[in-house]
Amino acid sequence: MSTLHTINKSPSDNTLWQSCLAALLPGDALLMIENAAYAAAQPSVMTQLQEYDIDIYLLSADVDARGLSGKLYTNANIIDDQQFVTLACQHTKVVSWF
């Protein structure tokens, strides 16, 4: 059983991020959407996420809208909306952190 976690706040919302990280289990996936895409450009956040046995995703539209292309400190999977739907269907449950 795996969970897709979606988070939409930047890492400056420390309480939300810490709650999300505490819920991650091996095999889960984390999709950073909206302002959470900024996390992928922050080495400290991405280094912390690498400690978890999870897959990391970003929505391409959010990366583009925030001018982050070429500034990402990660090898996260960049996906589109259709792939987001597929990803959600591949997991037993989806938890949204807003």
C-alpha atoms as a PDB file:
ATOM      1  CA  MET A   1       0.000   0.000   0.000  1.00  0.00           C
ATOM      2  CA  SER A   2       1.509   3.328  -1.041  1.00  0.00           C
ATOM      3  CA  THR A   3       0.420   6.919  -0.728  1.00  0.00           C
ATOM      4  CA  LEU A   4       0.779   9.863  -3.054  1.00  0.00           C
ATOM      5  CA  HIS A   5       1.367  12.987  -0.974  1.00  0.00           C
ATOM      6  CA  THR A   6       0.715  16.331  -2.664  1.00  0.00           C
ATOM      7  CA  ILE A   7       1.951  19.523  -1.072  1.00  0.00           C
ATOM      8  CA  ASN A   8       1.281  23.028  -2.368  1.00  0.00           C
ATOM      9  CA  LYS A   9       3.059  25.371   0.071  1.00  0.00           C
ATOM     10  CA  SER A  10       6.658  26.534  -0.123  1.00  0.00           C
ATOM     11  CA  PRO A  11       9.098  25.118   2.427  1.00  0.00           C
ATOM     12  CA  SER A  12       8.805  28.374   4.394  1.00  0.00           C
ATOM     13  CA  ASP A  13       5.566  26.867   5.766  1.00  0.00           C
ATOM     14  CA  ASN A  14       7.696  24.772   8.091  1.00  0.00           C
ATOM     15  CA  THR A  15       4.839  23.288  10.124  1.00  0.00           C
ATOM     16  CA  LEU A  16       3.070  21.925   7.042  1.00  0.00           C
ATOM     17  CA  TRP A  17       6.291  20.524   5.582  1.00  0.00           C
ATOM     18  CA  GLN A  18       7.284  18.842   8.847  1.00  0.00           C
ATOM     19  CA  SER A  19       3.834  17.231   9.112  1.00  0.00           C
ATOM     20  CA  CYS A  20       4.093  15.963   5.555  1.00  0.00           C
ATOM     21  CA  LEU A  21       7.613  14.599   6.038  1.00  0.00           C
ATOM     22  CA  ALA A  22       6.579  12.818   9.224  1.00  0.00           C
ATOM     23  CA  ALA A  23       3.879  10.967   7.276  1.00  0.00           C
ATOM     24  CA  LEU A  24       6.129   9.720   4.459  1.00  0.00           C
ATOM     25  CA  LEU A  25       6.775   5.997   4.311  1.00  0.00           C
ATOM     26  CA  PRO A  26       9.104   4.001   2.048  1.00  0.00           C
ATOM     27  CA  GLY A  27       7.450   3.491  -1.326  1.00  0.00           C
ATOM     28  CA  ASP A  28       5.332   6.643  -1.082  1.00  0.00           C
ATOM     29  CA  ALA A  29       5.533   9.455  -3.608  1.00  0.00           C
ATOM     30  CA  LEU A  30       5.654  13.225  -3.090  1.00  0.00           C
ATOM     31  CA  LEU A  31       4.237  15.586  -5.688  1.00  0.00           C
ATOM     32  CA  MET A  32       5.213  19.206  -5.131  1.00  0.00           C
ATOM     33  CA  ILE A  33       2.634  21.483  -6.759  1.00  0.00           C
ATOM     34  CA  GLU A  34       2.041  25.230  -6.926  1.00  0.00           C
ATOM     35  CA  ASN A  35       4.470  27.073  -4.574  1.00  0.00           C
ATOM     36  CA  ALA A  36       5.911  23.801  -3.279  1.00  0.00           C
ATOM     37  CA  ALA A  37       7.810  23.662  -6.587  1.00  0.00           C
ATOM     38  CA  TYR A  38      10.198  26.216  -5.057  1.00  0.00           C
ATOM     39  CA  ALA A  39      11.467  23.415  -2.803  1.00  0.00           C
ATOM     40  CA  ALA A  40      13.102  21.730  -5.790  1.00  0.00           C
ATOM     41  CA  ALA A  41      15.410  24.730  -6.171  1.00  0.00           C
ATOM     42  CA  GLN A  42      16.533  24.604  -2.537  1.00  0.00           C
ATOM     43  CA  PRO A  43      19.479  22.254  -1.901  1.00  0.00           C
ATOM     44  CA  SER A  44      18.743  21.910   1.828  1.00  0.00           C
ATOM     45  CA  VAL A  45      15.171  20.742   1.229  1.00  0.00           C
ATOM     46  CA  MET A  46      16.099  18.366  -1.571  1.00  0.00           C
ATOM     47  CA  THR A  47      18.962  16.882   0.452  1.00  0.00           C
ATOM     48  CA  GLN A  48      16.518  16.212   3.274  1.00  0.00           C
ATOM     49  CA  LEU A  49      14.029  14.573   0.890  1.00  0.00           C
ATOM     50  CA  GLN A  50      16.737  12.269  -0.461  1.00  0.00           C
ATOM     51  CA  GLU A  51      16.850  10.636   2.979  1.00  0.00           C
ATOM     52  CA  TYR A  52      13.404   9.152   2.328  1.00  0.00           C
ATOM     53  CA  ASP A  53      12.785   6.142   0.099  1.00  0.00           C
ATOM     54  CA  ILE A  54      10.214   7.974  -2.023  1.00  0.00           C
ATOM     55  CA  ASP A  55       9.696   9.135  -5.589  1.00  0.00           C
ATOM     56  CA  ILE A  56       9.583  12.903  -6.067  1.00  0.00           C
ATOM     57  CA  TYR A  57       7.490  14.654  -8.719  1.00  0.00           C
ATOM     58  CA  LEU A  58       6.879  18.208  -9.890  1.00  0.00           C
ATOM     59  CA  LEU A  59       4.183  19.529 -12.202  1.00  0.00           C
ATOM     60  CA  SER A  60       5.764  21.010 -15.321  1.00  0.00           C
ATOM     61  CA  ALA A  61       3.238  23.879 -15.425  1.00  0.00           C
ATOM     62  CA  ASP A  62       4.192  24.932 -11.880  1.00  0.00           C
ATOM     63  CA  VAL A  63       7.919  24.744 -12.638  1.00  0.00           C
ATOM     64  CA  ASP A  64       7.435  26.869 -15.765  1.00  0.00           C
ATOM     65  CA  ALA A  65       5.079  29.379 -14.112  1.00  0.00           C
ATOM     66  CA  ARG A  66       7.638  30.058 -11.389  1.00  0.00           C
ATOM     67  CA  GLY A  67      10.625  30.348 -13.714  1.00  0.00           C
ATOM     68  CA  LEU A  68      12.348  27.347 -12.168  1.00  0.00           C
ATOM     69  CA  SER A  69      13.375  25.547 -15.346  1.00  0.00           C
ATOM     70  CA  GLY A  70      17.115  24.997 -15.213  1.00  0.00           C
ATOM     71  CA  LYS A  71      17.270  25.972 -11.522  1.00  0.00           C
ATOM     72  CA  LEU A  72      16.176  22.701  -9.961  1.00  0.00           C
ATOM     73  CA  TYR A  73      18.439  20.992  -7.474  1.00  0.00           C
ATOM     74  CA  THR A  74      16.971  17.597  -8.048  1.00  0.00           C
ATOM     75  CA  ASN A  75      16.401  14.815 -10.474  1.00  0.00           C
ATOM     76  CA  ALA A  76      12.693  14.798  -9.629  1.00  0.00           C
ATOM     77  CA  ASN A  77      10.304  13.562 -12.244  1.00  0.00           C
ATOM     78  CA  ILE A  78       8.684  16.444 -14.106  1.00  0.00           C
ATOM     79  CA  ILE A  79       5.149  15.464 -15.066  1.00  0.00           C
ATOM     80  CA  ASP A  80       2.124  17.002 -16.763  1.00  0.00           C
ATOM     81  CA  ASP A  81      -1.513  16.980 -15.611  1.00  0.00           C
ATOM     82  CA  GLN A  82      -2.337  13.725 -17.392  1.00  0.00           C
ATOM     83  CA  GLN A  83       0.599  12.003 -15.711  1.00  0.00           C
ATOM     84  CA  PHE A  84      -0.610  13.420 -12.383  1.00  0.00           C
ATOM     85  CA  VAL A  85      -3.917  11.611 -12.862  1.00  0.00           C
ATOM     86  CA  THR A  86      -2.090   8.395 -13.737  1.00  0.00           C
ATOM     87  CA  LEU A  87       0.141   8.778 -10.686  1.00  0.00           C
ATOM     88  CA  ALA A  88      -2.861   9.256  -8.408  1.00  0.00           C
ATOM     89  CA  CYS A  89      -4.450   6.094  -9.807  1.00  0.00           C
ATOM     90  CA  GLN A  90      -1.276   4.093  -9.175  1.00  0.00           C
ATOM     91  CA  HIS A  91      -1.371   4.747  -5.429  1.00  0.00           C
ATOM     92  CA  THR A  92      -3.736   3.307  -2.858  1.00  0.00           C
ATOM     93  CA  LYS A  93      -4.540   6.742  -1.470  1.00  0.00           C
ATOM     94  CA  VAL A  94      -3.764  10.417  -2.014  1.00  0.00           C
ATOM     95  CA  VAL A  95      -3.110  12.805   0.862  1.00  0.00           C
ATOM     96  CA  SER A  96      -3.135  16.535   0.149  1.00  0.00           C
ATOM     97  CA  TRP A  97      -1.099  18.853   2.347  1.00  0.00           C
ATOM     98  CA  PHE A  98      -2.589  22.350   2.035  1.00  0.00           C
END
